[in-house]
Amino acid sequence: MTPTGQALLVGSADPEDRLFGTVVAEMLNDVFTKQGGQWQIFLLSAPDAPETLRMETPITHPEPWAWTQKQRYVRSERLRSNPKTTEGLA
């Protein structure tokens, strides 16, 4: 995002846009970003928001190591299928 795009967000009437713009401003000033690093920002809904995905039961991971190694993303459709274990997410 450019500084111009960030300024538009900060000046927005939408409070979420303004917050997003503030986060982007901090990232644009970060040394990592200035050295060519890239960031991703995810805007999540509040825990009690109606659009927040809630699982009926916990999803267990049968292996002795973390399932999230090397960062993983799962489509909400897979989560909505109510898998019992992380094997159902692959």
C-alpha atoms as a PDB file:
ATOM      1  CA  MET A   1       0.000   0.000   0.000  1.00  0.00           C
ATOM      2  CA  THR A   2       1.189   3.488  -0.740  1.00  0.00           C
ATOM      3  CA  PRO A   3       1.285   6.372   1.716  1.00  0.00           C
ATOM      4  CA  THR A   4      -1.523   7.973  -0.342  1.00  0.00           C
ATOM      5  CA  GLY A   5      -3.740   4.921   0.095  1.00  0.00           C
ATOM      6  CA  GLN A   6      -2.944   4.848   3.777  1.00  0.00           C
ATOM      7  CA  ALA A   7      -3.871   8.530   4.136  1.00  0.00           C
ATOM      8  CA  LEU A   8      -7.222   7.862   2.454  1.00  0.00           C
ATOM      9  CA  LEU A   9      -7.947   5.131   4.984  1.00  0.00           C
ATOM     10  CA  VAL A  10      -7.043   7.336   7.941  1.00  0.00           C
ATOM     11  CA  GLY A  11      -9.369  10.048   6.603  1.00  0.00           C
ATOM     12  CA  SER A  12     -12.272   7.662   6.063  1.00  0.00           C
ATOM     13  CA  ALA A  13     -15.604   7.998   7.837  1.00  0.00           C
ATOM     14  CA  ASP A  14     -15.515   4.248   8.554  1.00  0.00           C
ATOM     15  CA  PRO A  15     -13.881   3.517  11.953  1.00  0.00           C
ATOM     16  CA  GLU A  16     -12.496   0.178  10.716  1.00  0.00           C
ATOM     17  CA  ASP A  17     -10.845   1.909   7.740  1.00  0.00           C
ATOM     18  CA  ARG A  18      -9.278   4.465  10.075  1.00  0.00           C
ATOM     19  CA  LEU A  19      -7.917   1.733  12.343  1.00  0.00           C
ATOM     20  CA  PHE A  20      -6.578  -0.144   9.333  1.00  0.00           C
ATOM     21  CA  GLY A  21      -4.944   3.071   8.087  1.00  0.00           C
ATOM     22  CA  THR A  22      -3.271   3.575  11.469  1.00  0.00           C
ATOM     23  CA  VAL A  23      -1.843   0.047  11.398  1.00  0.00           C
ATOM     24  CA  VAL A  24      -0.610   0.551   7.822  1.00  0.00           C
ATOM     25  CA  ALA A  25       1.048   3.861   8.830  1.00  0.00           C
ATOM     26  CA  GLU A  26       3.034   2.047  11.525  1.00  0.00           C
ATOM     27  CA  MET A  27       4.018  -0.659   9.074  1.00  0.00           C
ATOM     28  CA  LEU A  28       5.143   1.880   6.450  1.00  0.00           C
ATOM     29  CA  ASN A  29       7.493   3.343   9.063  1.00  0.00           C
ATOM     30  CA  ASP A  30       8.883  -0.063  10.020  1.00  0.00           C
ATOM     31  CA  VAL A  31      12.497  -0.835   9.070  1.00  0.00           C
ATOM     32  CA  PHE A  32      11.516  -4.280   7.755  1.00  0.00           C
ATOM     33  CA  THR A  33       9.004  -2.750   5.355  1.00  0.00           C
ATOM     34  CA  LYS A  34      11.464  -0.089   4.190  1.00  0.00           C
ATOM     35  CA  GLN A  35      13.971  -2.831   3.382  1.00  0.00           C
ATOM     36  CA  GLY A  36      11.483  -4.478   1.022  1.00  0.00           C
ATOM     37  CA  GLY A  37       9.738  -6.761   3.493  1.00  0.00           C
ATOM     38  CA  GLN A  38       6.114  -7.621   2.923  1.00  0.00           C
ATOM     39  CA  TRP A  39       3.271  -7.797   5.412  1.00  0.00           C
ATOM     40  CA  GLN A  40      -0.222  -9.194   5.422  1.00  0.00           C
ATOM     41  CA  ILE A  41      -2.993  -7.711   7.515  1.00  0.00           C
ATOM     42  CA  PHE A  42      -6.085  -9.700   8.428  1.00  0.00           C
ATOM     43  CA  LEU A  43      -9.102  -7.899   9.796  1.00  0.00           C
ATOM     44  CA  LEU A  44     -10.924 -10.336  12.042  1.00  0.00           C
ATOM     45  CA  SER A  45     -14.431 -10.064  13.379  1.00  0.00           C
ATOM     46  CA  ALA A  46     -15.020  -9.747  17.113  1.00  0.00           C
ATOM     47  CA  PRO A  47     -15.521 -13.004  19.045  1.00  0.00           C
ATOM     48  CA  ASP A  48     -19.179 -12.169  19.661  1.00  0.00           C
ATOM     49  CA  ALA A  49     -19.919 -10.846  16.153  1.00  0.00           C
ATOM     50  CA  PRO A  50     -22.563 -12.755  14.183  1.00  0.00           C
ATOM     51  CA  GLU A  51     -20.164 -13.251  11.248  1.00  0.00           C
ATOM     52  CA  THR A  52     -17.553 -14.978  13.438  1.00  0.00           C
ATOM     53  CA  LEU A  53     -17.221 -18.654  12.585  1.00  0.00           C
ATOM     54  CA  ARG A  54     -17.834 -20.847  15.633  1.00  0.00           C
ATOM     55  CA  MET A  55     -16.983 -24.514  15.764  1.00  0.00           C
ATOM     56  CA  GLU A  56     -19.427 -27.035  17.235  1.00  0.00           C
ATOM     57  CA  THR A  57     -16.579 -29.107  18.684  1.00  0.00           C
ATOM     58  CA  PRO A  58     -12.799 -28.678  19.022  1.00  0.00           C
ATOM     59  CA  ILE A  59     -10.589 -29.898  16.178  1.00  0.00           C
ATOM     60  CA  THR A  60      -7.886 -32.156  17.599  1.00  0.00           C
ATOM     61  CA  HIS A  61      -4.413 -32.704  16.177  1.00  0.00           C
ATOM     62  CA  PRO A  62      -3.206 -36.299  16.696  1.00  0.00           C
ATOM     63  CA  GLU A  63       0.466 -35.645  15.857  1.00  0.00           C
ATOM     64  CA  PRO A  64       3.137 -34.671  18.411  1.00  0.00           C
ATOM     65  CA  TRP A  65       4.106 -31.507  16.468  1.00  0.00           C
ATOM     66  CA  ALA A  66       2.180 -28.307  15.817  1.00  0.00           C
ATOM     67  CA  TRP A  67      -0.229 -28.405  12.881  1.00  0.00           C
ATOM     68  CA  THR A  68       0.428 -24.730  12.149  1.00  0.00           C
ATOM     69  CA  GLN A  69       4.114 -25.172  11.333  1.00  0.00           C
ATOM     70  CA  LYS A  70       5.044 -23.119   8.268  1.00  0.00           C
ATOM     71  CA  GLN A  71       1.789 -21.161   8.615  1.00  0.00           C
ATOM     72  CA  ARG A  72      -1.408 -22.701   7.304  1.00  0.00           C
ATOM     73  CA  TYR A  73      -4.678 -21.322   6.078  1.00  0.00           C
ATOM     74  CA  VAL A  74      -7.916 -23.243   5.789  1.00  0.00           C
ATOM     75  CA  ARG A  75     -11.009 -22.253   3.853  1.00  0.00           C
ATOM     76  CA  SER A  76     -14.043 -21.650   6.028  1.00  0.00           C
ATOM     77  CA  GLU A  77     -15.954 -24.289   4.028  1.00  0.00           C
ATOM     78  CA  ARG A  78     -13.560 -26.938   5.360  1.00  0.00           C
ATOM     79  CA  LEU A  79     -14.069 -25.696   8.908  1.00  0.00           C
ATOM     80  CA  ARG A  80     -17.846 -25.680   8.462  1.00  0.00           C
ATOM     81  CA  SER A  81     -17.701 -29.382   7.584  1.00  0.00           C
ATOM     82  CA  ASN A  82     -16.967 -29.960  11.311  1.00  0.00           C
ATOM     83  CA  PRO A  83     -13.843 -32.133  10.999  1.00  0.00           C
ATOM     84  CA  LYS A  84     -12.927 -34.039  14.139  1.00  0.00           C
ATOM     85  CA  THR A  85      -9.145 -33.780  13.541  1.00  0.00           C
ATOM     86  CA  THR A  86      -6.712 -31.658  11.539  1.00  0.00           C
ATOM     87  CA  GLU A  87      -6.423 -34.558   9.089  1.00  0.00           C
ATOM     88  CA  GLY A  88      -9.865 -33.505   7.843  1.00  0.00           C
ATOM     89  CA  LEU A  89      -8.533 -30.051   7.013  1.00  0.00           C
ATOM     90  CA  ALA A  90      -5.784 -31.157   4.616  1.00  0.00           C
END
